[in-house]
Amino acid sequence: MKINGLKKKALWENIKCCCIKGDVEHTYPLSECKHCKFMECWQSVPKKDFTVNDDIRDKNGKVTKKQTRTIKEITLVRGSFEDVVAWTWSS
C-alpha cells in the first residue's frame, strides 16, 4: 500500500496522553484526550491493499456493470495538528 502524505513524526505525536489509566471516567473516549483521539484516527488508515465494489452506470444512471477494484494507493487528509482527518483514493 502506497500512502501519500506520510510524515516521519506528526505534530500530534508530541501531545502527551492525559488519560488516567484505570479510571474509566478519565480515559478516552469519555475523557477529552487529543493524543488518544488522534491515535484512533491514525489507526483507521489502511496499511494493506483493499478491494472496493464499483458500479458502472450508463448516461441515465442505471447500473450496467459491477466491478471489483483493488486500491493500492491512498492520500491522507490532515488537520491542523497533522492528524488524519480522512483518507481518499483515486477513481
N, C-alpha and C. Protein backbone atom coordinates (compact mmCIF):
# COMPACT_ATOMS: atom_id res chain seq x y z
N MET A 1 0.84 -1.18 0.00
CA MET A 1 0.00 0.00 0.00
C MET A 1 0.89 1.24 0.00
N LYS A 2 0.65 2.10 -0.97
CA LYS A 2 1.35 3.38 -1.01
C LYS A 2 0.46 4.42 -0.32
N ILE A 3 1.03 5.14 0.65
CA ILE A 3 0.27 6.14 1.40
C ILE A 3 0.91 7.51 1.15
N ASN A 4 0.21 8.38 0.45
CA ASN A 4 0.69 9.74 0.18
C ASN A 4 0.38 10.63 1.38
N GLY A 5 1.33 11.49 1.73
CA GLY A 5 1.13 12.42 2.84
C GLY A 5 1.65 11.90 4.17
N LEU A 6 2.48 10.85 4.14
CA LEU A 6 3.06 10.33 5.39
C LEU A 6 4.07 11.33 5.96
N LYS A 7 4.20 11.35 7.25
CA LYS A 7 5.19 12.18 7.94
C LYS A 7 5.98 11.29 8.88
N LYS A 8 7.27 11.63 9.06
CA LYS A 8 8.09 10.85 9.99
C LYS A 8 7.52 10.94 11.40
N LYS A 9 7.16 12.15 11.81
CA LYS A 9 6.55 12.35 13.12
C LYS A 9 5.59 13.54 13.01
N ALA A 10 4.31 13.27 13.18
CA ALA A 10 3.30 14.32 13.09
C ALA A 10 3.28 15.14 14.37
N LEU A 11 2.77 16.35 14.29
CA LEU A 11 2.71 17.25 15.46
C LEU A 11 1.93 16.63 16.61
N TRP A 12 0.84 15.92 16.32
CA TRP A 12 0.01 15.35 17.38
C TRP A 12 0.76 14.33 18.23
N GLU A 13 1.81 13.72 17.67
CA GLU A 13 2.56 12.72 18.43
C GLU A 13 3.33 13.33 19.59
N ASN A 14 3.53 14.67 19.57
CA ASN A 14 4.20 15.36 20.68
C ASN A 14 3.24 15.72 21.80
N ILE A 15 1.94 15.56 21.58
CA ILE A 15 0.95 15.84 22.62
C ILE A 15 0.92 14.64 23.57
N LYS A 16 1.05 14.92 24.85
CA LYS A 16 1.05 13.84 25.84
C LYS A 16 -0.37 13.35 26.11
N CYS A 17 -0.48 12.07 26.38
CA CYS A 17 -1.76 11.46 26.74
C CYS A 17 -2.15 11.96 28.13
N CYS A 18 -3.40 12.42 28.27
CA CYS A 18 -3.86 12.93 29.57
C CYS A 18 -4.84 11.97 30.24
N CYS A 19 -4.92 10.74 29.73
CA CYS A 19 -5.81 9.75 30.34
C CYS A 19 -5.23 9.27 31.68
N ILE A 20 -6.12 8.96 32.60
CA ILE A 20 -5.71 8.38 33.88
C ILE A 20 -6.01 6.90 33.78
N LYS A 21 -4.97 6.11 33.61
CA LYS A 21 -5.14 4.67 33.41
C LYS A 21 -5.81 4.04 34.61
N GLY A 22 -6.80 3.19 34.36
CA GLY A 22 -7.52 2.53 35.43
C GLY A 22 -8.74 3.29 35.91
N ASP A 23 -8.90 4.53 35.47
CA ASP A 23 -10.06 5.34 35.85
C ASP A 23 -10.91 5.55 34.59
N VAL A 24 -12.00 4.80 34.47
CA VAL A 24 -12.82 4.81 33.26
C VAL A 24 -13.33 6.21 32.91
N GLU A 25 -13.71 6.98 33.91
CA GLU A 25 -14.25 8.31 33.66
C GLU A 25 -13.22 9.29 33.12
N HIS A 26 -11.95 9.00 33.34
CA HIS A 26 -10.89 9.90 32.88
C HIS A 26 -10.01 9.24 31.82
N THR A 27 -10.63 8.41 31.00
CA THR A 27 -9.94 7.73 29.92
C THR A 27 -10.73 7.95 28.63
N TYR A 28 -10.01 8.12 27.53
CA TYR A 28 -10.65 8.30 26.23
C TYR A 28 -11.50 7.08 25.90
N PRO A 29 -12.69 7.21 25.37
CA PRO A 29 -13.34 8.37 24.77
C PRO A 29 -14.20 9.19 25.73
N LEU A 30 -14.37 8.77 26.97
CA LEU A 30 -15.16 9.57 27.91
C LEU A 30 -14.44 10.86 28.29
N SER A 31 -13.14 10.82 28.36
CA SER A 31 -12.33 11.99 28.66
C SER A 31 -11.80 12.56 27.35
N GLU A 32 -11.65 13.86 27.28
CA GLU A 32 -11.15 14.51 26.07
C GLU A 32 -9.62 14.46 26.05
N CYS A 33 -9.08 13.46 25.36
CA CYS A 33 -7.63 13.31 25.23
C CYS A 33 -7.29 13.41 23.75
N LYS A 34 -6.64 14.53 23.38
CA LYS A 34 -6.31 14.74 21.97
C LYS A 34 -5.38 13.66 21.44
N HIS A 35 -4.40 13.25 22.23
CA HIS A 35 -3.46 12.23 21.78
C HIS A 35 -4.19 10.94 21.41
N CYS A 36 -5.06 10.47 22.28
CA CYS A 36 -5.78 9.21 22.02
C CYS A 36 -6.74 9.36 20.84
N LYS A 37 -7.36 10.53 20.72
CA LYS A 37 -8.26 10.79 19.59
C LYS A 37 -7.50 10.73 18.28
N PHE A 38 -6.34 11.40 18.22
CA PHE A 38 -5.54 11.41 17.01
C PHE A 38 -4.96 10.03 16.71
N MET A 39 -4.61 9.28 17.75
CA MET A 39 -4.10 7.92 17.57
C MET A 39 -5.18 7.03 16.97
N GLU A 40 -6.40 7.17 17.44
CA GLU A 40 -7.51 6.37 16.91
C GLU A 40 -7.72 6.67 15.42
N CYS A 41 -7.61 7.94 15.04
CA CYS A 41 -7.74 8.32 13.63
C CYS A 41 -6.61 7.72 12.81
N TRP A 42 -5.39 7.77 13.33
CA TRP A 42 -4.25 7.19 12.61
C TRP A 42 -4.44 5.69 12.41
N GLN A 43 -4.96 5.02 13.41
CA GLN A 43 -5.14 3.58 13.32
C GLN A 43 -6.23 3.19 12.33
N SER A 44 -7.07 4.14 11.90
CA SER A 44 -8.10 3.85 10.91
C SER A 44 -7.54 3.80 9.48
N VAL A 45 -6.31 4.24 9.30
CA VAL A 45 -5.70 4.26 7.97
C VAL A 45 -5.31 2.83 7.58
N PRO A 46 -5.77 2.36 6.41
CA PRO A 46 -5.40 1.00 6.00
C PRO A 46 -3.91 0.92 5.68
N LYS A 47 -3.30 -0.16 6.07
CA LYS A 47 -1.87 -0.37 5.82
C LYS A 47 -1.63 -1.37 4.68
N LYS A 48 -2.69 -2.09 4.30
CA LYS A 48 -2.58 -3.09 3.23
C LYS A 48 -3.58 -2.76 2.14
N ASP A 49 -3.32 -3.25 0.92
CA ASP A 49 -4.25 -3.08 -0.19
C ASP A 49 -5.62 -3.63 0.20
N PHE A 50 -6.68 -3.02 -0.33
CA PHE A 50 -8.03 -3.50 -0.07
C PHE A 50 -8.86 -3.40 -1.35
N THR A 51 -10.00 -4.08 -1.37
CA THR A 51 -10.85 -4.07 -2.55
C THR A 51 -12.13 -3.29 -2.30
N VAL A 52 -12.66 -2.68 -3.37
CA VAL A 52 -13.94 -1.98 -3.33
C VAL A 52 -14.78 -2.47 -4.50
N ASN A 53 -16.08 -2.44 -4.31
CA ASN A 53 -17.01 -2.79 -5.38
C ASN A 53 -17.54 -1.51 -6.01
N ASP A 54 -17.40 -1.40 -7.33
CA ASP A 54 -17.86 -0.22 -8.07
C ASP A 54 -19.02 -0.60 -8.98
N ASP A 55 -19.93 0.35 -9.17
CA ASP A 55 -20.99 0.20 -10.15
C ASP A 55 -20.66 1.07 -11.35
N ILE A 56 -20.79 0.53 -12.55
CA ILE A 56 -20.62 1.30 -13.77
C ILE A 56 -22.03 1.63 -14.26
N ARG A 57 -22.28 2.92 -14.46
CA ARG A 57 -23.63 3.39 -14.82
C ARG A 57 -23.66 3.97 -16.22
N ASP A 58 -24.81 3.85 -16.87
CA ASP A 58 -24.98 4.47 -18.19
C ASP A 58 -25.36 5.94 -17.99
N LYS A 59 -25.63 6.64 -19.09
CA LYS A 59 -25.92 8.08 -19.00
C LYS A 59 -27.21 8.39 -18.26
N ASN A 60 -28.09 7.39 -18.10
CA ASN A 60 -29.33 7.57 -17.36
C ASN A 60 -29.19 7.22 -15.88
N GLY A 61 -28.01 6.77 -15.47
CA GLY A 61 -27.76 6.43 -14.09
C GLY A 61 -28.07 4.99 -13.72
N LYS A 62 -28.44 4.20 -14.73
CA LYS A 62 -28.75 2.79 -14.48
C LYS A 62 -27.46 1.97 -14.42
N VAL A 63 -27.37 1.08 -13.42
CA VAL A 63 -26.19 0.24 -13.27
C VAL A 63 -26.14 -0.76 -14.42
N THR A 64 -25.03 -0.73 -15.18
CA THR A 64 -24.88 -1.65 -16.31
C THR A 64 -23.89 -2.76 -16.02
N LYS A 65 -23.00 -2.51 -15.08
CA LYS A 65 -21.97 -3.50 -14.78
C LYS A 65 -21.44 -3.26 -13.38
N LYS A 66 -21.02 -4.31 -12.73
CA LYS A 66 -20.36 -4.22 -11.42
C LYS A 66 -18.93 -4.69 -11.58
N GLN A 67 -18.04 -4.02 -10.90
CA GLN A 67 -16.63 -4.41 -10.96
C GLN A 67 -16.01 -4.32 -9.58
N THR A 68 -14.96 -5.08 -9.37
CA THR A 68 -14.20 -5.04 -8.12
C THR A 68 -12.81 -4.51 -8.45
N ARG A 69 -12.38 -3.52 -7.67
CA ARG A 69 -11.04 -2.95 -7.86
C ARG A 69 -10.23 -3.11 -6.59
N THR A 70 -8.92 -3.24 -6.77
CA THR A 70 -8.00 -3.27 -5.64
C THR A 70 -7.39 -1.89 -5.49
N ILE A 71 -7.51 -1.32 -4.31
CA ILE A 71 -6.95 0.00 -4.02
C ILE A 71 -5.54 -0.22 -3.46
N LYS A 72 -4.56 0.35 -4.17
CA LYS A 72 -3.16 0.17 -3.79
C LYS A 72 -2.50 1.47 -3.34
N GLU A 73 -3.23 2.60 -3.46
CA GLU A 73 -2.66 3.90 -3.11
C GLU A 73 -3.75 4.78 -2.52
N ILE A 74 -3.45 5.41 -1.39
CA ILE A 74 -4.38 6.35 -0.76
C ILE A 74 -3.64 7.65 -0.45
N THR A 75 -4.41 8.71 -0.23
CA THR A 75 -3.86 10.01 0.14
C THR A 75 -4.48 10.45 1.46
N LEU A 76 -3.65 10.86 2.39
CA LEU A 76 -4.12 11.31 3.70
C LEU A 76 -4.56 12.76 3.63
N VAL A 77 -5.66 13.08 4.32
CA VAL A 77 -6.11 14.45 4.51
C VAL A 77 -5.81 14.77 5.96
N ARG A 78 -5.03 15.84 6.19
CA ARG A 78 -4.54 16.14 7.54
C ARG A 78 -5.16 17.40 8.11
N GLY A 79 -5.27 17.41 9.44
CA GLY A 79 -5.79 18.56 10.18
C GLY A 79 -4.67 19.47 10.65
N SER A 80 -5.00 20.41 11.52
CA SER A 80 -4.04 21.42 11.97
C SER A 80 -2.93 20.85 12.85
N PHE A 81 -3.15 19.71 13.49
CA PHE A 81 -2.10 19.06 14.27
C PHE A 81 -1.42 17.95 13.47
N GLU A 82 -1.61 18.00 12.14
CA GLU A 82 -1.11 16.96 11.23
C GLU A 82 -1.76 15.61 11.55
N ASP A 83 -2.93 15.65 12.16
CA ASP A 83 -3.70 14.44 12.45
C ASP A 83 -4.44 14.00 11.20
N VAL A 84 -4.80 12.74 11.12
CA VAL A 84 -5.50 12.21 9.97
C VAL A 84 -6.99 12.54 10.12
N VAL A 85 -7.50 13.36 9.22
CA VAL A 85 -8.90 13.73 9.23
C VAL A 85 -9.69 12.78 8.34
N ALA A 86 -9.05 12.37 7.24
CA ALA A 86 -9.68 11.44 6.29
C ALA A 86 -8.60 10.86 5.40
N TRP A 87 -8.98 9.88 4.61
CA TRP A 87 -8.10 9.35 3.58
C TRP A 87 -8.94 9.03 2.36
N THR A 88 -8.34 9.22 1.18
CA THR A 88 -9.07 9.06 -0.07
C THR A 88 -8.26 8.22 -1.05
N TRP A 89 -8.93 7.78 -2.10
CA TRP A 89 -8.25 7.11 -3.20
C TRP A 89 -8.80 7.64 -4.50
N SER A 90 -8.03 7.50 -5.56
CA SER A 90 -8.44 7.98 -6.89
C SER A 90 -9.34 6.95 -7.55
N SER A 91 -10.24 7.45 -8.37
CA SER A 91 -11.12 6.51 -9.08
C SER A 91 -10.56 6.09 -10.41
